[in-house]
N, C-alpha and C. Protein backbone atom coordinates (compact mmCIF):
# COMPACT_ATOMS: atom_id res chain seq x y z
N UNK A 1 0.85 -1.17 0.00
CA UNK A 1 0.00 0.00 0.00
C UNK A 1 0.90 1.24 0.00
N UNK A 2 0.49 2.22 -0.74
CA UNK A 2 1.28 3.44 -0.89
C UNK A 2 0.73 4.52 0.04
N UNK A 3 1.58 5.03 0.91
CA UNK A 3 1.21 6.14 1.77
C UNK A 3 2.05 7.33 1.38
N UNK A 4 1.45 8.50 1.36
CA UNK A 4 2.22 9.69 1.04
C UNK A 4 1.75 10.87 1.87
N UNK A 5 2.64 11.80 2.03
CA UNK A 5 2.34 13.03 2.76
C UNK A 5 1.58 13.96 1.84
N UNK A 6 0.51 14.54 2.35
CA UNK A 6 -0.27 15.50 1.57
C UNK A 6 0.10 16.90 2.05
N UNK A 7 0.89 17.57 1.26
CA UNK A 7 1.33 18.93 1.62
C UNK A 7 0.20 19.91 1.35
N UNK A 8 0.15 20.95 2.16
CA UNK A 8 -0.87 21.98 1.97
C UNK A 8 -0.51 22.83 0.76
N UNK A 9 -1.48 22.98 -0.12
CA UNK A 9 -1.28 23.75 -1.34
C UNK A 9 -1.69 25.21 -1.10
N UNK A 10 -1.14 26.13 -1.89
CA UNK A 10 -1.53 27.53 -1.75
C UNK A 10 -3.05 27.69 -1.85
N UNK A 11 -3.60 28.51 -0.99
CA UNK A 11 -5.04 28.75 -0.96
C UNK A 11 -5.82 27.73 -0.15
N UNK A 12 -5.11 26.84 0.52
CA UNK A 12 -5.75 25.76 1.30
C UNK A 12 -6.77 26.31 2.28
N UNK A 13 -6.40 27.31 3.07
CA UNK A 13 -7.30 27.84 4.10
C UNK A 13 -8.52 28.51 3.50
N UNK A 14 -8.36 29.17 2.36
CA UNK A 14 -9.51 29.79 1.70
C UNK A 14 -10.47 28.72 1.19
N UNK A 15 -9.92 27.63 0.63
CA UNK A 15 -10.77 26.53 0.16
C UNK A 15 -11.50 25.86 1.32
N UNK A 16 -10.84 25.76 2.47
CA UNK A 16 -11.52 25.21 3.65
C UNK A 16 -12.74 26.07 4.00
N UNK A 17 -12.54 27.37 3.98
CA UNK A 17 -13.66 28.28 4.26
C UNK A 17 -14.79 28.09 3.27
N UNK A 18 -14.46 27.97 1.98
CA UNK A 18 -15.48 27.77 0.95
C UNK A 18 -16.21 26.44 1.13
N UNK A 19 -15.46 25.39 1.45
CA UNK A 19 -16.04 24.07 1.63
C UNK A 19 -16.98 24.05 2.84
N UNK A 20 -16.52 24.62 3.95
CA UNK A 20 -17.38 24.68 5.15
C UNK A 20 -18.63 25.49 4.88
N UNK A 21 -18.47 26.62 4.20
CA UNK A 21 -19.62 27.48 3.90
C UNK A 21 -20.64 26.73 3.02
N UNK A 22 -20.14 25.97 2.06
CA UNK A 22 -21.04 25.22 1.18
C UNK A 22 -21.86 24.21 1.96
N UNK A 23 -21.23 23.50 2.88
CA UNK A 23 -21.95 22.50 3.66
C UNK A 23 -22.87 23.13 4.70
N UNK A 24 -22.35 24.11 5.40
CA UNK A 24 -23.17 24.77 6.42
C UNK A 24 -24.38 25.45 5.78
N UNK A 25 -24.19 25.99 4.57
CA UNK A 25 -25.29 26.59 3.83
C UNK A 25 -26.39 25.59 3.51
N UNK A 26 -26.03 24.33 3.46
CA UNK A 26 -27.01 23.26 3.22
C UNK A 26 -27.50 22.66 4.55
N UNK A 27 -27.11 23.29 5.64
CA UNK A 27 -27.47 22.84 6.99
C UNK A 27 -26.90 21.46 7.31
N UNK A 28 -25.66 21.23 6.85
CA UNK A 28 -24.96 19.97 7.11
C UNK A 28 -23.79 20.23 8.05
N UNK A 29 -23.37 19.19 8.75
CA UNK A 29 -22.23 19.31 9.66
C UNK A 29 -20.94 19.48 8.88
N UNK A 30 -20.08 20.37 9.37
CA UNK A 30 -18.77 20.59 8.74
C UNK A 30 -17.77 20.99 9.81
N UNK A 31 -17.41 20.07 10.71
CA UNK A 31 -16.43 20.41 11.74
C UNK A 31 -15.10 20.80 11.09
N UNK A 32 -14.40 21.71 11.72
CA UNK A 32 -13.15 22.23 11.15
C UNK A 32 -12.15 21.11 10.87
N UNK A 33 -11.93 20.22 11.83
CA UNK A 33 -10.94 19.15 11.64
C UNK A 33 -11.32 18.25 10.46
N UNK A 34 -12.59 17.89 10.34
CA UNK A 34 -13.05 17.07 9.23
C UNK A 34 -12.86 17.80 7.90
N UNK A 35 -13.14 19.09 7.90
CA UNK A 35 -13.00 19.88 6.69
C UNK A 35 -11.53 19.96 6.26
N UNK A 36 -10.63 20.09 7.22
CA UNK A 36 -9.20 20.14 6.91
C UNK A 36 -8.75 18.83 6.26
N UNK A 37 -9.18 17.71 6.80
CA UNK A 37 -8.82 16.40 6.25
C UNK A 37 -9.41 16.24 4.85
N UNK A 38 -10.69 16.53 4.73
CA UNK A 38 -11.36 16.39 3.44
C UNK A 38 -10.73 17.27 2.37
N UNK A 39 -10.41 18.52 2.72
CA UNK A 39 -9.85 19.44 1.74
C UNK A 39 -8.48 18.99 1.26
N UNK A 40 -7.66 18.47 2.15
CA UNK A 40 -6.34 17.96 1.74
C UNK A 40 -6.51 16.81 0.74
N UNK A 41 -7.46 15.92 1.01
CA UNK A 41 -7.70 14.81 0.08
C UNK A 41 -8.25 15.30 -1.26
N UNK A 42 -9.17 16.25 -1.21
CA UNK A 42 -9.73 16.82 -2.44
C UNK A 42 -8.62 17.48 -3.25
N UNK A 43 -7.80 18.28 -2.61
CA UNK A 43 -6.72 19.00 -3.30
C UNK A 43 -5.77 18.06 -4.03
N UNK A 44 -5.51 16.88 -3.44
CA UNK A 44 -4.55 15.94 -4.02
C UNK A 44 -5.23 14.79 -4.77
N UNK A 45 -6.56 14.85 -4.87
CA UNK A 45 -7.35 13.83 -5.57
C UNK A 45 -7.01 12.42 -5.08
N UNK A 46 -7.02 12.26 -3.76
CA UNK A 46 -6.84 10.93 -3.16
C UNK A 46 -8.10 10.56 -2.39
N UNK A 47 -8.40 9.28 -2.37
CA UNK A 47 -9.57 8.79 -1.65
C UNK A 47 -9.26 8.71 -0.16
N UNK A 48 -10.23 9.06 0.64
CA UNK A 48 -10.11 8.99 2.10
C UNK A 48 -10.66 7.65 2.58
N UNK A 49 -9.87 6.96 3.37
CA UNK A 49 -10.32 5.72 3.99
C UNK A 49 -10.83 6.09 5.39
N UNK A 50 -12.12 5.90 5.61
CA UNK A 50 -12.71 6.28 6.89
C UNK A 50 -13.95 5.45 7.16
N UNK A 51 -14.28 5.33 8.44
CA UNK A 51 -15.54 4.71 8.85
C UNK A 51 -16.49 5.77 9.39
N UNK A 52 -16.05 7.02 9.39
CA UNK A 52 -16.82 8.14 9.91
C UNK A 52 -17.83 8.59 8.86
N UNK A 53 -19.10 8.43 9.17
CA UNK A 53 -20.15 8.76 8.21
C UNK A 53 -20.30 10.25 7.96
N UNK A 54 -19.70 11.09 8.80
CA UNK A 54 -19.80 12.54 8.59
C UNK A 54 -19.13 12.98 7.30
N UNK A 55 -18.20 12.19 6.78
CA UNK A 55 -17.50 12.58 5.56
C UNK A 55 -18.36 12.38 4.31
N UNK A 56 -19.50 11.72 4.43
CA UNK A 56 -20.35 11.51 3.26
C UNK A 56 -20.84 12.83 2.68
N UNK A 57 -21.02 13.86 3.53
CA UNK A 57 -21.46 15.17 3.04
C UNK A 57 -20.38 15.79 2.15
N UNK A 58 -19.13 15.60 2.51
CA UNK A 58 -18.04 16.12 1.69
C UNK A 58 -17.99 15.39 0.35
N UNK A 59 -18.30 14.11 0.36
CA UNK A 59 -18.31 13.33 -0.88
C UNK A 59 -19.48 13.74 -1.77
N UNK A 60 -20.64 13.92 -1.19
CA UNK A 60 -21.84 14.24 -1.96
C UNK A 60 -21.82 15.64 -2.54
N UNK A 61 -21.21 16.59 -1.84
CA UNK A 61 -21.33 18.00 -2.23
C UNK A 61 -20.03 18.70 -2.57
N UNK A 62 -18.88 18.09 -2.26
CA UNK A 62 -17.62 18.82 -2.41
C UNK A 62 -16.56 18.09 -3.22
N UNK A 63 -16.85 16.91 -3.69
CA UNK A 63 -15.90 16.22 -4.55
C UNK A 63 -14.93 15.29 -3.84
N UNK A 64 -15.12 15.05 -2.56
CA UNK A 64 -14.26 14.11 -1.85
C UNK A 64 -14.54 12.69 -2.35
N UNK A 65 -13.47 11.94 -2.58
CA UNK A 65 -13.62 10.53 -2.93
C UNK A 65 -13.41 9.71 -1.65
N UNK A 66 -14.31 8.77 -1.42
CA UNK A 66 -14.21 7.87 -0.28
C UNK A 66 -13.81 6.49 -0.74
N UNK A 67 -12.95 5.83 0.03
CA UNK A 67 -12.53 4.46 -0.32
C UNK A 67 -13.39 3.46 0.41
């Protein structure tokens, strides 16, 4: 299995704000820590391996891929 470090890309914090705003605007949960994890995966186009169902909102509305 390949593991790699996901470095923060320029504009990361602004995209986190946009992602949280998009979900909160839909009245969905968007905790800061979850948003940070989801945004890093979205930025690098990698699937997130998780059992946490809260990430489904990021997948449905923000482009997060879930494994």
